[in-house]
Amino acid sequence: MQKNYKYQLSEPIGKNFNKDFKPELTPKKMLELGVFEGKYMTDCKKEFLASWYNKAKLSPKNKNPELNYFRISASQPLAVWREKGWINQRHNPRGWFQWYCRYYM
């Protein structure tokens, strides 16, 4: 995924968010619900808590809409996000969910 990227954990995991940031689901719960049809975070498990993956619905090779909570394809290709400039390539090349997972940590 990313090579030689480092960040420092400065708060307890899942605590002390900005007062305006009030997420409804944790990254662990989102992975359990099959976010991105399971084709996400399959190559960076070492970065995050192992417990996030205990019940995660993952599909390492291809997206699988059957894994998604709603059983539909609910995402655009990463290339679309890059083309639109919605992703900070340097810090979070996978987009908002990668950012959220790191912020949550």
PDB file of N, CA and C in Angstrom:
ATOM      1  N   MET A   1       0.835  -1.180   0.000  1.00  0.00           N
ATOM      2  CA  MET A   1       0.000   0.000   0.000  1.00  0.00           C
ATOM      3  C   MET A   1       0.884   1.250   0.000  1.00  0.00           C
ATOM      4  N   GLN A   2       1.240   1.758   1.147  1.00  0.00           N
ATOM      5  CA  GLN A   2       2.147   2.890   1.255  1.00  0.00           C
ATOM      6  C   GLN A   2       3.453   2.399   1.841  1.00  0.00           C
ATOM      7  N   LYS A   3       4.528   2.923   1.345  1.00  0.00           N
ATOM      8  CA  LYS A   3       5.833   2.540   1.869  1.00  0.00           C
ATOM      9  C   LYS A   3       6.452   3.736   2.593  1.00  0.00           C
ATOM     10  N   ASN A   4       7.113   3.453   3.700  1.00  0.00           N
ATOM     11  CA  ASN A   4       7.825   4.474   4.473  1.00  0.00           C
ATOM     12  C   ASN A   4       6.931   5.605   4.965  1.00  0.00           C
ATOM     13  N   TYR A   5       5.667   5.320   5.206  1.00  0.00           N
ATOM     14  CA  TYR A   5       4.758   6.326   5.752  1.00  0.00           C
ATOM     15  C   TYR A   5       4.667   6.098   7.251  1.00  0.00           C
ATOM     16  N   LYS A   6       4.810   7.159   8.005  1.00  0.00           N
ATOM     17  CA  LYS A   6       4.759   7.045   9.458  1.00  0.00           C
ATOM     18  C   LYS A   6       3.862   8.124  10.031  1.00  0.00           C
ATOM     19  N   TYR A   7       3.234   7.778  11.123  1.00  0.00           N
ATOM     20  CA  TYR A   7       2.477   8.764  11.881  1.00  0.00           C
ATOM     21  C   TYR A   7       2.559   8.367  13.343  1.00  0.00           C
ATOM     22  N   GLN A   8       2.311   9.315  14.213  1.00  0.00           N
ATOM     23  CA  GLN A   8       2.413   9.069  15.640  1.00  0.00           C
ATOM     24  C   GLN A   8       1.021   9.068  16.256  1.00  0.00           C
ATOM     25  N   LEU A   9       0.742   8.031  17.020  1.00  0.00           N
ATOM     26  CA  LEU A   9      -0.532   7.974  17.738  1.00  0.00           C
ATOM     27  C   LEU A   9      -0.427   8.920  18.925  1.00  0.00           C
ATOM     28  N   SER A  10      -1.380   9.841  19.007  1.00  0.00           N
ATOM     29  CA  SER A  10      -1.285  10.860  20.054  1.00  0.00           C
ATOM     30  C   SER A  10      -2.460  10.861  21.019  1.00  0.00           C
ATOM     31  N   GLU A  11      -3.460  10.034  20.760  1.00  0.00           N
ATOM     32  CA  GLU A  11      -4.625   9.946  21.623  1.00  0.00           C
ATOM     33  C   GLU A  11      -4.990   8.472  21.792  1.00  0.00           C
ATOM     34  N   PRO A  12      -5.768   8.141  22.810  1.00  0.00           N
ATOM     35  CA  PRO A  12      -6.244   6.760  22.943  1.00  0.00           C
ATOM     36  C   PRO A  12      -7.105   6.385  21.731  1.00  0.00           C
ATOM     37  N   ILE A  13      -7.041   5.150  21.327  1.00  0.00           N
ATOM     38  CA  ILE A  13      -7.777   4.686  20.155  1.00  0.00           C
ATOM     39  C   ILE A  13      -9.283   4.905  20.346  1.00  0.00           C
ATOM     40  N   GLY A  14      -9.887   5.568  19.376  1.00  0.00           N
ATOM     41  CA  GLY A  14     -11.330   5.816  19.403  1.00  0.00           C
ATOM     42  C   GLY A  14     -11.782   6.875  20.388  1.00  0.00           C
ATOM     43  N   LYS A  15     -10.865   7.690  20.868  1.00  0.00           N
ATOM     44  CA  LYS A  15     -11.202   8.704  21.882  1.00  0.00           C
ATOM     45  C   LYS A  15     -10.685  10.077  21.470  1.00  0.00           C
ATOM     46  N   ASN A  16     -11.236  11.077  22.096  1.00  0.00           N
ATOM     47  CA  ASN A  16     -10.764  12.462  21.992  1.00  0.00           C
ATOM     48  C   ASN A  16     -10.773  13.023  20.577  1.00  0.00           C
ATOM     49  N   PHE A  17     -11.846  12.727  19.825  1.00  0.00           N
ATOM     50  CA  PHE A  17     -11.997  13.307  18.500  1.00  0.00           C
ATOM     51  C   PHE A  17     -12.297  14.799  18.638  1.00  0.00           C
ATOM     52  N   ASN A  18     -12.178  15.511  17.546  1.00  0.00           N
ATOM     53  CA  ASN A  18     -12.632  16.886  17.506  1.00  0.00           C
ATOM     54  C   ASN A  18     -14.101  16.900  17.942  1.00  0.00           C
ATOM     55  N   LYS A  19     -14.513  17.905  18.685  1.00  0.00           N
ATOM     56  CA  LYS A  19     -15.883  17.944  19.233  1.00  0.00           C
ATOM     57  C   LYS A  19     -16.963  17.895  18.159  1.00  0.00           C
ATOM     58  N   ASP A  20     -16.653  18.323  16.943  1.00  0.00           N
ATOM     59  CA  ASP A  20     -17.632  18.311  15.853  1.00  0.00           C
ATOM     60  C   ASP A  20     -17.647  16.993  15.082  1.00  0.00           C
ATOM     61  N   PHE A  21     -16.738  16.102  15.397  1.00  0.00           N
ATOM     62  CA  PHE A  21     -16.648  14.824  14.694  1.00  0.00           C
ATOM     63  C   PHE A  21     -17.352  13.755  15.515  1.00  0.00           C
ATOM     64  N   LYS A  22     -18.486  13.276  15.007  1.00  0.00           N
ATOM     65  CA  LYS A  22     -19.298  12.315  15.756  1.00  0.00           C
ATOM     66  C   LYS A  22     -19.690  11.149  14.846  1.00  0.00           C
ATOM     67  N   PRO A  23     -18.760  10.253  14.583  1.00  0.00           N
ATOM     68  CA  PRO A  23     -19.059   9.133  13.679  1.00  0.00           C
ATOM     69  C   PRO A  23     -20.088   8.177  14.281  1.00  0.00           C
ATOM     70  N   GLU A  24     -20.907   7.607  13.421  1.00  0.00           N
ATOM     71  CA  GLU A  24     -21.914   6.648  13.864  1.00  0.00           C
ATOM     72  C   GLU A  24     -21.355   5.224  13.936  1.00  0.00           C
ATOM     73  N   LEU A  25     -20.398   4.912  13.074  1.00  0.00           N
ATOM     74  CA  LEU A  25     -19.838   3.562  13.023  1.00  0.00           C
ATOM     75  C   LEU A  25     -18.331   3.606  13.186  1.00  0.00           C
ATOM     76  N   THR A  26     -17.796   2.617  13.863  1.00  0.00           N
ATOM     77  CA  THR A  26     -16.349   2.490  13.989  1.00  0.00           C
ATOM     78  C   THR A  26     -15.800   1.845  12.714  1.00  0.00           C
ATOM     79  N   PRO A  27     -14.498   1.976  12.459  1.00  0.00           N
ATOM     80  CA  PRO A  27     -13.924   1.266  11.321  1.00  0.00           C
ATOM     81  C   PRO A  27     -14.170  -0.245  11.405  1.00  0.00           C
ATOM     82  N   LYS A  28     -14.070  -0.803  12.590  1.00  0.00           N
ATOM     83  CA  LYS A  28     -14.307  -2.238  12.772  1.00  0.00           C
ATOM     84  C   LYS A  28     -15.719  -2.605  12.313  1.00  0.00           C
ATOM     85  N   LYS A  29     -16.715  -1.842  12.734  1.00  0.00           N
ATOM     86  CA  LYS A  29     -18.096  -2.133  12.360  1.00  0.00           C
ATOM     87  C   LYS A  29     -18.297  -1.982  10.853  1.00  0.00           C
ATOM     88  N   MET A  30     -17.677  -0.986  10.268  1.00  0.00           N
ATOM     89  CA  MET A  30     -17.803  -0.786   8.823  1.00  0.00           C
ATOM     90  C   MET A  30     -17.212  -1.967   8.053  1.00  0.00           C
ATOM     91  N   LEU A  31     -16.085  -2.478   8.518  1.00  0.00           N
ATOM     92  CA  LEU A  31     -15.481  -3.645   7.875  1.00  0.00           C
ATOM     93  C   LEU A  31     -16.376  -4.873   8.046  1.00  0.00           C
ATOM     94  N   GLU A  32     -17.025  -4.994   9.191  1.00  0.00           N
ATOM     95  CA  GLU A  32     -17.955  -6.110   9.427  1.00  0.00           C
ATOM     96  C   GLU A  32     -19.176  -6.021   8.503  1.00  0.00           C
ATOM     97  N   LEU A  33     -19.536  -4.803   8.103  1.00  0.00           N
ATOM     98  CA  LEU A  33     -20.682  -4.592   7.226  1.00  0.00           C
ATOM     99  C   LEU A  33     -20.301  -4.693   5.740  1.00  0.00           C
ATOM    100  N   GLY A  34     -19.042  -5.009   5.474  1.00  0.00           N
ATOM    101  CA  GLY A  34     -18.609  -5.216   4.095  1.00  0.00           C
ATOM    102  C   GLY A  34     -18.432  -3.943   3.290  1.00  0.00           C
ATOM    103  N   VAL A  35     -17.964  -2.891   3.956  1.00  0.00           N
ATOM    104  CA  VAL A  35     -17.747  -1.628   3.270  1.00  0.00           C
ATOM    105  C   VAL A  35     -16.912  -1.834   1.996  1.00  0.00           C
ATOM    106  N   PHE A  36     -17.274  -1.136   0.938  1.00  0.00           N
ATOM    107  CA  PHE A  36     -16.581  -1.202  -0.351  1.00  0.00           C
ATOM    108  C   PHE A  36     -16.557  -2.607  -0.935  1.00  0.00           C
ATOM    109  N   GLU A  37     -17.627  -3.347  -0.700  1.00  0.00           N
ATOM    110  CA  GLU A  37     -17.776  -4.720  -1.206  1.00  0.00           C
ATOM    111  C   GLU A  37     -16.599  -5.610  -0.822  1.00  0.00           C
ATOM    112  N   GLY A  38     -15.989  -5.329   0.322  1.00  0.00           N
ATOM    113  CA  GLY A  38     -14.921  -6.170   0.844  1.00  0.00           C
ATOM    114  C   GLY A  38     -13.556  -5.939   0.238  1.00  0.00           C
ATOM    115  N   LYS A  39     -13.473  -5.122  -0.807  1.00  0.00           N
ATOM    116  CA  LYS A  39     -12.195  -4.893  -1.486  1.00  0.00           C
ATOM    117  C   LYS A  39     -11.586  -3.601  -0.981  1.00  0.00           C
ATOM    118  N   TYR A  40     -11.173  -3.631   0.234  1.00  0.00           N
ATOM    119  CA  TYR A  40     -10.572  -2.449   0.833  1.00  0.00           C
ATOM    120  C   TYR A  40      -9.831  -2.907   2.071  1.00  0.00           C
ATOM    121  N   MET A  41      -8.688  -2.362   2.298  1.00  0.00           N
ATOM    122  CA  MET A  41      -7.915  -2.659   3.506  1.00  0.00           C
ATOM    123  C   MET A  41      -7.432  -4.106   3.548  1.00  0.00           C
ATOM    124  N   THR A  42      -7.411  -4.765   2.425  1.00  0.00           N
ATOM    125  CA  THR A  42      -6.982  -6.164   2.436  1.00  0.00           C
ATOM    126  C   THR A  42      -5.469  -6.302   2.376  1.00  0.00           C
ATOM    127  N   ASP A  43      -4.767  -5.226   2.070  1.00  0.00           N
ATOM    128  CA  ASP A  43      -3.319  -5.311   1.961  1.00  0.00           C
ATOM    129  C   ASP A  43      -2.590  -4.448   2.995  1.00  0.00           C
ATOM    130  N   CYS A  44      -3.297  -4.019   4.016  1.00  0.00           N
ATOM    131  CA  CYS A  44      -2.647  -3.171   5.027  1.00  0.00           C
ATOM    132  C   CYS A  44      -3.076  -3.558   6.440  1.00  0.00           C
ATOM    133  N   LYS A  45      -3.362  -4.813   6.642  1.00  0.00           N
ATOM    134  CA  LYS A  45      -3.866  -5.266   7.946  1.00  0.00           C
ATOM    135  C   LYS A  45      -2.898  -4.980   9.088  1.00  0.00           C
ATOM    136  N   LYS A  46      -1.624  -4.940   8.798  1.00  0.00           N
ATOM    137  CA  LYS A  46      -0.636  -4.734   9.864  1.00  0.00           C
ATOM    138  C   LYS A  46      -0.700  -3.329  10.451  1.00  0.00           C
ATOM    139  N   GLU A  47      -1.276  -2.396   9.703  1.00  0.00           N
ATOM    140  CA  GLU A  47      -1.330  -1.015  10.186  1.00  0.00           C
ATOM    141  C   GLU A  47      -2.382  -0.821  11.281  1.00  0.00           C
ATOM    142  N   PHE A  48      -3.442  -1.616  11.237  1.00  0.00           N
ATOM    143  CA  PHE A  48      -4.561  -1.405  12.146  1.00  0.00           C
ATOM    144  C   PHE A  48      -4.740  -2.573  13.113  1.00  0.00           C
ATOM    145  N   LEU A  49      -5.653  -2.410  14.046  1.00  0.00           N
ATOM    146  CA  LEU A  49      -5.869  -3.423  15.067  1.00  0.00           C
ATOM    147  C   LEU A  49      -6.338  -4.751  14.463  1.00  0.00           C
ATOM    148  N   ALA A  50      -5.744  -5.832  14.890  1.00  0.00           N
ATOM    149  CA  ALA A  50      -6.125  -7.165  14.400  1.00  0.00           C
ATOM    150  C   ALA A  50      -7.596  -7.442  14.671  1.00  0.00           C
ATOM    151  N   SER A  51      -8.125  -6.926  15.776  1.00  0.00           N
ATOM    152  CA  SER A  51      -9.531  -7.167  16.128  1.00  0.00           C
ATOM    153  C   SER A  51     -10.495  -6.580  15.088  1.00  0.00           C
ATOM    154  N   TRP A  52     -10.053  -5.584  14.336  1.00  0.00           N
ATOM    155  CA  TRP A  52     -10.911  -5.014  13.299  1.00  0.00           C
ATOM    156  C   TRP A  52     -11.242  -6.043  12.224  1.00  0.00           C
ATOM    157  N   TYR A  53     -10.400  -7.044  12.092  1.00  0.00           N
ATOM    158  CA  TYR A  53     -10.536  -8.007  11.003  1.00  0.00           C
ATOM    159  C   TYR A  53     -11.167  -9.329  11.433  1.00  0.00           C
ATOM    160  N   ASN A  54     -11.457  -9.482  12.714  1.00  0.00           N
ATOM    161  CA  ASN A  54     -12.020 -10.751  13.199  1.00  0.00           C
ATOM    162  C   ASN A  54     -13.289 -11.152  12.466  1.00  0.00           C
ATOM    163  N   LYS A  55     -14.190 -10.217  12.262  1.00  0.00           N
ATOM    164  CA  LYS A  55     -15.465 -10.506  11.592  1.00  0.00           C
ATOM    165  C   LYS A  55     -15.622  -9.697  10.300  1.00  0.00           C
ATOM    166  N   ALA A  56     -14.535  -9.119   9.833  1.00  0.00           N
ATOM    167  CA  ALA A  56     -14.586  -8.293   8.630  1.00  0.00           C
ATOM    168  C   ALA A  56     -14.955  -9.129   7.414  1.00  0.00           C
ATOM    169  N   LYS A  57     -15.756  -8.544   6.548  1.00  0.00           N
ATOM    170  CA  LYS A  57     -16.121  -9.202   5.292  1.00  0.00           C
ATOM    171  C   LYS A  57     -15.194  -8.652   4.219  1.00  0.00           C
ATOM    172  N   LEU A  58     -14.200  -9.444   3.852  1.00  0.00           N
ATOM    173  CA  LEU A  58     -13.173  -9.004   2.914  1.00  0.00           C
ATOM    174  C   LEU A  58     -13.128  -9.892   1.686  1.00  0.00           C
ATOM    175  N   SER A  59     -12.733  -9.285   0.600  1.00  0.00           N
ATOM    176  CA  SER A  59     -12.562  -9.993  -0.670  1.00  0.00           C
ATOM    177  C   SER A  59     -11.257  -9.508  -1.282  1.00  0.00           C
ATOM    178  N   PRO A  60     -10.143 -10.142  -0.964  1.00  0.00           N
ATOM    179  CA  PRO A  60      -8.825  -9.636  -1.369  1.00  0.00           C
ATOM    180  C   PRO A  60      -8.606  -9.480  -2.880  1.00  0.00           C
ATOM    181  N   LYS A  61      -9.268 -10.286  -3.703  1.00  0.00           N
ATOM    182  CA  LYS A  61      -8.983 -10.214  -5.139  1.00  0.00           C
ATOM    183  C   LYS A  61      -9.889  -9.250  -5.904  1.00  0.00           C
ATOM    184  N   ASN A  62     -11.184  -9.318  -5.672  1.00  0.00           N
ATOM    185  CA  ASN A  62     -12.141  -8.488  -6.401  1.00  0.00           C
ATOM    186  C   ASN A  62     -13.255  -8.019  -5.477  1.00  0.00           C
ATOM    187  N   LYS A  63     -13.887  -6.902  -5.866  1.00  0.00           N
ATOM    188  CA  LYS A  63     -15.053  -6.449  -5.097  1.00  0.00           C
ATOM    189  C   LYS A  63     -16.141  -7.506  -5.196  1.00  0.00           C
ATOM    190  N   ASN A  64     -16.866  -7.681  -4.103  1.00  0.00           N
ATOM    191  CA  ASN A  64     -17.949  -8.652  -4.075  1.00  0.00           C
ATOM    192  C   ASN A  64     -19.178  -7.986  -3.456  1.00  0.00           C
ATOM    193  N   PRO A  65     -20.112  -7.521  -4.287  1.00  0.00           N
ATOM    194  CA  PRO A  65     -21.300  -6.834  -3.764  1.00  0.00           C
ATOM    195  C   PRO A  65     -22.090  -7.667  -2.755  1.00  0.00           C
ATOM    196  N   GLU A  66     -21.980  -8.976  -2.797  1.00  0.00           N
ATOM    197  CA  GLU A  66     -22.705  -9.822  -1.842  1.00  0.00           C
ATOM    198  C   GLU A  66     -22.200  -9.624  -0.412  1.00  0.00           C
ATOM    199  N   LEU A  67     -20.999  -9.103  -0.271  1.00  0.00           N
ATOM    200  CA  LEU A  67     -20.451  -8.856   1.067  1.00  0.00           C
ATOM    201  C   LEU A  67     -20.970  -7.552   1.664  1.00  0.00           C
ATOM    202  N   ASN A  68     -21.375  -6.637   0.806  1.00  0.00           N
ATOM    203  CA  ASN A  68     -21.887  -5.354   1.238  1.00  0.00           C
ATOM    204  C   ASN A  68     -23.204  -5.545   1.982  1.00  0.00           C
ATOM    205  N   TYR A  69     -23.410  -4.812   3.042  1.00  0.00           N
ATOM    206  CA  TYR A  69     -24.620  -4.917   3.863  1.00  0.00           C
ATOM    207  C   TYR A  69     -25.899  -4.850   3.034  1.00  0.00           C
ATOM    208  N   PHE A  70     -25.902  -3.995   2.009  1.00  0.00           N
ATOM    209  CA  PHE A  70     -27.089  -3.822   1.177  1.00  0.00           C
ATOM    210  C   PHE A  70     -27.094  -4.737  -0.046  1.00  0.00           C
ATOM    211  N   ARG A  71     -26.049  -5.531  -0.207  1.00  0.00           N
ATOM    212  CA  ARG A  71     -25.923  -6.480  -1.327  1.00  0.00           C
ATOM    213  C   ARG A  71     -25.931  -5.790  -2.691  1.00  0.00           C
ATOM    214  N   ILE A  72     -25.335  -4.588  -2.750  1.00  0.00           N
ATOM    215  CA  ILE A  72     -25.240  -3.872  -4.016  1.00  0.00           C
ATOM    216  C   ILE A  72     -23.822  -3.326  -4.171  1.00  0.00           C
ATOM    217  N   SER A  73     -23.472  -2.991  -5.388  1.00  0.00           N
ATOM    218  CA  SER A  73     -22.199  -2.321  -5.634  1.00  0.00           C
ATOM    219  C   SER A  73     -22.401  -0.852  -5.272  1.00  0.00           C
ATOM    220  N   ALA A  74     -21.708  -0.412  -4.258  1.00  0.00           N
ATOM    221  CA  ALA A  74     -21.974   0.923  -3.717  1.00  0.00           C
ATOM    222  C   ALA A  74     -20.742   1.827  -3.728  1.00  0.00           C
ATOM    223  N   SER A  75     -19.821   1.578  -4.639  1.00  0.00           N
ATOM    224  CA  SER A  75     -18.635   2.425  -4.657  1.00  0.00           C
ATOM    225  C   SER A  75     -18.153   2.636  -6.086  1.00  0.00           C
ATOM    226  N   GLN A  76     -17.399   3.704  -6.244  1.00  0.00           N
ATOM    227  CA  GLN A  76     -16.774   3.994  -7.526  1.00  0.00           C
ATOM    228  C   GLN A  76     -15.334   3.512  -7.471  1.00  0.00           C
ATOM    229  N   PRO A  77     -14.737   3.259  -8.623  1.00  0.00           N
ATOM    230  CA  PRO A  77     -13.323   2.880  -8.628  1.00  0.00           C
ATOM    231  C   PRO A  77     -12.452   3.980  -8.017  1.00  0.00           C
ATOM    232  N   LEU A  78     -11.379   3.594  -7.405  1.00  0.00           N
ATOM    233  CA  LEU A  78     -10.454   4.542  -6.792  1.00  0.00           C
ATOM    234  C   LEU A  78      -9.962   5.560  -7.821  1.00  0.00           C
ATOM    235  N   ALA A  79      -9.814   5.143  -9.066  1.00  0.00           N
ATOM    236  CA  ALA A  79      -9.355   6.044 -10.128  1.00  0.00           C
ATOM    237  C   ALA A  79     -10.286   7.250 -10.276  1.00  0.00           C
ATOM    238  N   VAL A  80     -11.578   7.062 -10.099  1.00  0.00           N
ATOM    239  CA  VAL A  80     -12.532   8.167 -10.192  1.00  0.00           C
ATOM    240  C   VAL A  80     -12.263   9.180  -9.081  1.00  0.00           C
ATOM    241  N   TRP A  81     -12.046   8.694  -7.892  1.00  0.00           N
ATOM    242  CA  TRP A  81     -11.763   9.579  -6.763  1.00  0.00           C
ATOM    243  C   TRP A  81     -10.477  10.379  -7.017  1.00  0.00           C
ATOM    244  N   ARG A  82      -9.464   9.712  -7.580  1.00  0.00           N
ATOM    245  CA  ARG A  82      -8.208  10.404  -7.874  1.00  0.00           C
ATOM    246  C   ARG A  82      -8.408  11.461  -8.949  1.00  0.00           C
ATOM    247  N   GLU A  83      -9.125  11.118 -10.014  1.00  0.00           N
ATOM    248  CA  GLU A  83      -9.374  12.060 -11.110  1.00  0.00           C
ATOM    249  C   GLU A  83     -10.093  13.310 -10.620  1.00  0.00           C
ATOM    250  N   LYS A  84     -11.006  13.162  -9.679  1.00  0.00           N
ATOM    251  CA  LYS A  84     -11.784  14.290  -9.166  1.00  0.00           C
ATOM    252  C   LYS A  84     -11.018  15.105  -8.119  1.00  0.00           C
ATOM    253  N   GLY A  85      -9.862  14.608  -7.692  1.00  0.00           N
ATOM    254  CA  GLY A  85      -9.077  15.321  -6.692  1.00  0.00           C
ATOM    255  C   GLY A  85      -9.618  15.183  -5.286  1.00  0.00           C
ATOM    256  N   TRP A  86     -10.381  14.121  -5.042  1.00  0.00           N
ATOM    257  CA  TRP A  86     -10.998  13.918  -3.734  1.00  0.00           C
ATOM    258  C   TRP A  86     -10.070  13.211  -2.751  1.00  0.00           C
ATOM    259  N   ILE A  87      -8.885  12.862  -3.186  1.00  0.00           N
ATOM    260  CA  ILE A  87      -7.975  12.074  -2.346  1.00  0.00           C
ATOM    261  C   ILE A  87      -6.646  12.799  -2.186  1.00  0.00           C
ATOM    262  N   ASN A  88      -6.139  12.827  -0.969  1.00  0.00           N
ATOM    263  CA  ASN A  88      -4.796  13.339  -0.715  1.00  0.00           C
ATOM    264  C   ASN A  88      -3.833  12.191  -0.980  1.00  0.00           C
ATOM    265  N   GLN A  89      -3.265  12.173  -2.160  1.00  0.00           N
ATOM    266  CA  GLN A  89      -2.412  11.064  -2.583  1.00  0.00           C
ATOM    267  C   GLN A  89      -1.234  10.827  -1.647  1.00  0.00           C
ATOM    268  N   ARG A  90      -0.680  11.882  -1.108  1.00  0.00           N
ATOM    269  CA  ARG A  90       0.514  11.733  -0.274  1.00  0.00           C
ATOM    270  C   ARG A  90       0.206  11.069   1.069  1.00  0.00           C
ATOM    271  N   HIS A  91      -0.863  11.509   1.714  1.00  0.00           N
ATOM    272  CA  HIS A  91      -1.140  11.030   3.067  1.00  0.00           C
ATOM    273  C   HIS A  91      -2.159   9.900   3.142  1.00  0.00           C
ATOM    274  N   ASN A  92      -3.173   9.935   2.335  1.00  0.00           N
ATOM    275  CA  ASN A  92      -4.241   8.932   2.379  1.00  0.00           C
ATOM    276  C   ASN A  92      -4.638   8.530   0.959  1.00  0.00           C
ATOM    277  N   PRO A  93      -3.776   7.795   0.276  1.00  0.00           N
ATOM    278  CA  PRO A  93      -4.045   7.461  -1.123  1.00  0.00           C
ATOM    279  C   PRO A  93      -5.287   6.599  -1.334  1.00  0.00           C
ATOM    280  N   ARG A  94      -5.841   6.037  -0.282  1.00  0.00           N
ATOM    281  CA  ARG A  94      -7.065   5.243  -0.401  1.00  0.00           C
ATOM    282  C   ARG A  94      -8.321   6.052  -0.112  1.00  0.00           C
ATOM    283  N   GLY A  95      -8.169   7.290   0.292  1.00  0.00           N
ATOM    284  CA  GLY A  95      -9.334   8.137   0.465  1.00  0.00           C
ATOM    285  C   GLY A  95      -9.824   8.283   1.894  1.00  0.00           C
ATOM    286  N   TRP A  96     -11.103   8.639   1.994  1.00  0.00           N
ATOM    287  CA  TRP A  96     -11.673   9.023   3.281  1.00  0.00           C
ATOM    288  C   TRP A  96     -11.667   7.894   4.314  1.00  0.00           C
ATOM    289  N   PHE A  97     -11.873   6.654   3.889  1.00  0.00           N
ATOM    290  CA  PHE A  97     -11.926   5.573   4.878  1.00  0.00           C
ATOM    291  C   PHE A  97     -10.543   5.310   5.472  1.00  0.00           C
ATOM    292  N   GLN A  98      -9.533   5.411   4.652  1.00  0.00           N
ATOM    293  CA  GLN A  98      -8.171   5.280   5.177  1.00  0.00           C
ATOM    294  C   GLN A  98      -7.901   6.410   6.172  1.00  0.00           C
ATOM    295  N   TRP A  99      -8.292   7.625   5.803  1.00  0.00           N
ATOM    296  CA  TRP A  99      -8.124   8.751   6.728  1.00  0.00           C
ATOM    297  C   TRP A  99      -8.857   8.465   8.034  1.00  0.00           C
ATOM    298  N   TYR A 100     -10.112   8.011   7.938  1.00  0.00           N
ATOM    299  CA  TYR A 100     -10.913   7.770   9.127  1.00  0.00           C
ATOM    300  C   TYR A 100     -10.261   6.698  10.017  1.00  0.00           C
ATOM    301  N   CYS A 101      -9.800   5.636   9.425  1.00  0.00           N
ATOM    302  CA  CYS A 101      -9.152   4.579  10.206  1.00  0.00           C
ATOM    303  C   CYS A 101      -7.944   5.107  10.951  1.00  0.00           C
ATOM    304  N   ARG A 102      -7.160   5.932  10.279  1.00  0.00           N
ATOM    305  CA  ARG A 102      -5.969   6.518  10.915  1.00  0.00           C
ATOM    306  C   ARG A 102      -6.370   7.523  11.994  1.00  0.00           C
ATOM    307  N   TYR A 103      -7.359   8.319  11.734  1.00  0.00           N
ATOM    308  CA  TYR A 103      -7.825   9.289  12.732  1.00  0.00           C
ATOM    309  C   TYR A 103      -8.387   8.554  13.949  1.00  0.00           C
ATOM    310  N   TYR A 104      -9.115   7.501  13.702  1.00  0.00           N
ATOM    311  CA  TYR A 104      -9.688   6.701  14.790  1.00  0.00           C
ATOM    312  C   TYR A 104      -8.586   6.117  15.674  1.00  0.00           C
ATOM    313  N   MET A 105      -7.477   5.747  15.051  1.00  0.00           N
ATOM    314  CA  MET A 105      -6.351   5.190  15.811  1.00  0.00           C
ATOM    315  C   MET A 105      -5.679   6.275  16.642  1.00  0.00           C
TER     316      MET A 105
END
